[in-house]
Amino acid sequence: MTINGIKFNMNWRQGSSPRELLPRDYGIYCEIVWPVRGIRIGISKNIWGRHGGHASWMRSMKKGTGSRTRRSGPLANHAKDWGDLGLETFTLSTDPRLQEDALRFACETELHRWAEEQTEWKNFNGEKWIPKNYGKPVLDEAAAAKALGVTLSRTLV
């Protein structure tokens, strides 16, 4: 996918993006939650650090520790049930032009619009607006949870 002349890698394969290979640069990334085929697109000045922070947040939500455990919504509720199980971050682009805030935000917005229109992934992007497919399952999440030994108490109830 190309937006504003910048190419974005939308080819995600499970297990192909280990954290140690994530860039510590400006860019746009996509967090994939494989068990439920969830996506969350974001921007960062350090994609490697952002992934670590988000994984830690998801684990703290599952444990019920930390200052933000009262949050609710599709992603927060997912984290409370699943923690960071199956979380993998993919770099969509680190094009040097993305260091410009306005361009980075514009590209992120277009990617959020794409996420709202697609039907293959559960859309966890709710920061800019609440998309029509926000948090809508795209597979049998109860069966996925059962197969992985996850007890669902906050999602699908």
Protein backbone atom coordinates (compact mmCIF):
# COMPACT_ATOMS: atom_id res chain seq x y z
CA MET A 1 0.00 0.00 0.00
CA THR A 2 1.30 3.47 -0.86
CA ILE A 3 0.11 6.65 0.89
CA ASN A 4 1.48 10.11 0.13
CA GLY A 5 4.30 8.50 -1.85
CA ILE A 6 5.36 6.28 1.06
CA LYS A 7 5.23 2.51 0.72
CA PHE A 8 3.75 0.58 3.67
CA ASN A 9 4.46 -3.10 4.26
CA MET A 10 1.09 -4.80 4.76
CA ASN A 11 2.46 -8.33 4.34
CA TRP A 12 2.34 -9.78 7.87
CA ARG A 13 3.33 -13.40 8.57
CA GLN A 14 3.04 -14.83 12.05
CA GLY A 15 6.41 -15.27 13.72
CA SER A 16 8.33 -13.18 11.19
CA SER A 17 8.81 -10.00 13.25
CA PRO A 18 10.83 -10.70 16.40
CA ARG A 19 11.14 -7.75 18.80
CA GLU A 20 14.94 -7.67 18.58
CA LEU A 21 14.66 -6.80 14.88
CA LEU A 22 12.22 -3.91 15.35
CA PRO A 23 13.72 -0.51 14.55
CA ARG A 24 14.40 2.12 17.18
CA ASP A 25 13.31 4.78 14.72
CA TYR A 26 10.38 6.98 13.78
CA GLY A 27 7.75 5.10 11.90
CA ILE A 28 4.36 3.53 11.63
CA TYR A 29 3.73 0.05 12.96
CA CYS A 30 0.95 -2.49 13.26
CA GLU A 31 0.44 -4.61 16.36
CA ILE A 32 -1.10 -7.95 15.47
CA VAL A 33 -2.91 -10.04 18.05
CA TRP A 34 -2.82 -13.38 16.25
CA PRO A 35 -5.29 -15.46 18.33
CA VAL A 36 -8.17 -13.12 17.39
CA ARG A 37 -6.69 -11.65 14.17
CA GLY A 38 -6.66 -8.21 15.78
CA ILE A 39 -4.80 -5.15 14.48
CA ARG A 40 -3.83 -1.83 16.00
CA ILE A 41 -1.97 0.69 13.86
CA GLY A 42 0.11 3.41 15.49
CA ILE A 43 2.99 5.83 15.19
CA SER A 44 6.14 5.97 17.25
CA LYS A 45 9.53 7.60 17.54
CA ASN A 46 10.89 4.18 18.61
CA ILE A 47 8.94 1.14 17.35
CA TRP A 48 11.05 -1.29 19.39
CA GLY A 49 10.33 0.62 22.60
CA ARG A 50 6.65 1.03 21.75
CA HIS A 51 6.22 -2.71 21.34
CA GLY A 52 7.85 -3.40 24.70
CA GLY A 53 5.66 -0.83 26.42
CA HIS A 54 2.47 -2.18 24.90
CA ALA A 55 3.32 -5.80 25.72
CA SER A 56 4.02 -4.76 29.31
CA TRP A 57 0.70 -2.87 29.48
CA MET A 58 -1.20 -5.92 28.19
CA ARG A 59 0.45 -8.18 30.79
CA SER A 60 -0.36 -5.71 33.58
CA MET A 61 -3.98 -5.57 32.43
CA LYS A 62 -4.24 -9.36 32.68
CA LYS A 63 -2.64 -9.36 36.14
CA GLY A 64 -4.86 -6.47 37.28
CA THR A 65 -1.86 -4.38 38.29
CA GLY A 66 -0.80 -0.93 37.21
CA SER A 67 -2.49 2.42 37.04
CA ARG A 68 -4.67 1.84 33.96
CA THR A 69 -6.47 -1.38 34.83
CA ARG A 70 -9.83 0.38 35.14
CA ARG A 71 -9.86 1.09 31.42
CA SER A 72 -12.44 -0.72 29.34
CA GLY A 73 -13.13 -1.08 25.65
CA PRO A 74 -12.30 -3.70 23.03
CA LEU A 75 -8.50 -3.59 23.40
CA ALA A 76 -8.43 -3.13 27.19
CA ASN A 77 -10.95 -5.94 27.70
CA HIS A 78 -8.98 -8.16 25.33
CA ALA A 79 -5.80 -7.48 27.31
CA LYS A 80 -7.56 -8.30 30.59
CA ASP A 81 -8.46 -11.75 29.24
CA TRP A 82 -5.51 -12.57 26.98
CA GLY A 83 -2.57 -10.47 28.22
CA ASP A 84 0.05 -10.22 25.47
CA LEU A 85 -0.53 -13.76 24.16
CA GLY A 86 0.06 -13.73 20.41
CA LEU A 87 1.13 -10.07 20.24
CA GLU A 88 3.55 -9.31 17.42
CA THR A 89 4.54 -5.89 16.10
CA PHE A 90 5.27 -5.24 12.44
CA THR A 91 6.99 -2.20 10.99
CA LEU A 92 4.84 -0.74 8.24
CA SER A 93 7.34 1.98 7.30
CA THR A 94 10.33 3.87 8.65
CA ASP A 95 10.63 6.12 5.62
CA PRO A 96 12.70 9.12 6.82
CA ARG A 97 9.93 11.48 5.69
CA LEU A 98 7.79 10.09 8.55
CA GLN A 99 9.89 12.14 10.98
CA GLU A 100 7.66 15.02 9.92
CA ASP A 101 4.73 14.97 12.36
CA ALA A 102 2.04 16.14 9.95
CA LEU A 103 2.94 13.54 7.32
CA ARG A 104 3.20 10.75 9.91
CA PHE A 105 -0.24 11.62 11.33
CA ALA A 106 -1.78 11.89 7.84
CA CYS A 107 -0.47 8.46 6.85
CA GLU A 108 -1.64 6.94 10.14
CA THR A 109 -5.12 8.37 9.55
CA GLU A 110 -5.28 6.81 6.07
CA LEU A 111 -4.19 3.46 7.51
CA HIS A 112 -6.93 3.75 10.15
CA ARG A 113 -9.45 4.39 7.36
CA TRP A 114 -8.20 1.25 5.61
CA ALA A 115 -8.57 -0.70 8.88
CA GLU A 116 -12.16 0.49 9.19
CA GLU A 117 -13.07 -0.74 5.71
CA GLN A 118 -11.31 -4.12 5.72
CA THR A 119 -13.05 -7.27 7.02
CA GLU A 120 -10.17 -9.74 7.57
CA TRP A 121 -8.90 -8.30 10.86
CA LYS A 122 -10.50 -7.29 14.17
CA ASN A 123 -10.00 -3.53 14.34
CA PHE A 124 -8.58 -2.29 17.66
CA ASN A 125 -7.96 1.27 16.35
CA GLY A 126 -10.16 3.57 18.40
CA GLU A 127 -7.92 6.50 19.31
CA LYS A 128 -8.89 8.94 16.53
CA TRP A 129 -12.55 7.96 16.15
CA ILE A 130 -14.69 4.93 16.88
CA PRO A 131 -14.77 3.01 13.58
CA LYS A 132 -17.85 1.07 12.51
CA ASN A 133 -15.96 -2.23 12.91
CA TYR A 134 -14.28 -1.33 16.22
CA GLY A 135 -13.65 -4.50 18.20
CA LYS A 136 -15.89 -6.65 16.00
CA PRO A 137 -14.73 -10.30 15.94
CA VAL A 138 -13.68 -11.84 12.62
CA LEU A 139 -13.43 -15.42 13.90
CA ASP A 140 -14.81 -17.64 16.66
CA GLU A 141 -12.94 -16.11 19.59
CA ALA A 142 -14.50 -18.46 22.15
CA ALA A 143 -13.09 -21.44 20.23
CA ALA A 144 -9.68 -19.72 19.91
CA ALA A 145 -9.64 -19.03 23.65
CA LYS A 146 -10.60 -22.60 24.49
CA ALA A 147 -7.87 -23.98 22.20
CA LEU A 148 -5.28 -21.80 23.95
CA GLY A 149 -6.56 -22.33 27.48
CA VAL A 150 -7.76 -18.75 27.90
CA THR A 151 -10.80 -18.02 30.08
CA LEU A 152 -12.87 -15.20 28.68
CA SER A 153 -14.42 -13.09 31.41
CA ARG A 154 -14.46 -9.63 29.82
CA THR A 155 -14.79 -10.26 26.11
CA LEU A 156 -17.72 -11.97 24.41
CA VAL A 157 -19.82 -11.88 27.59
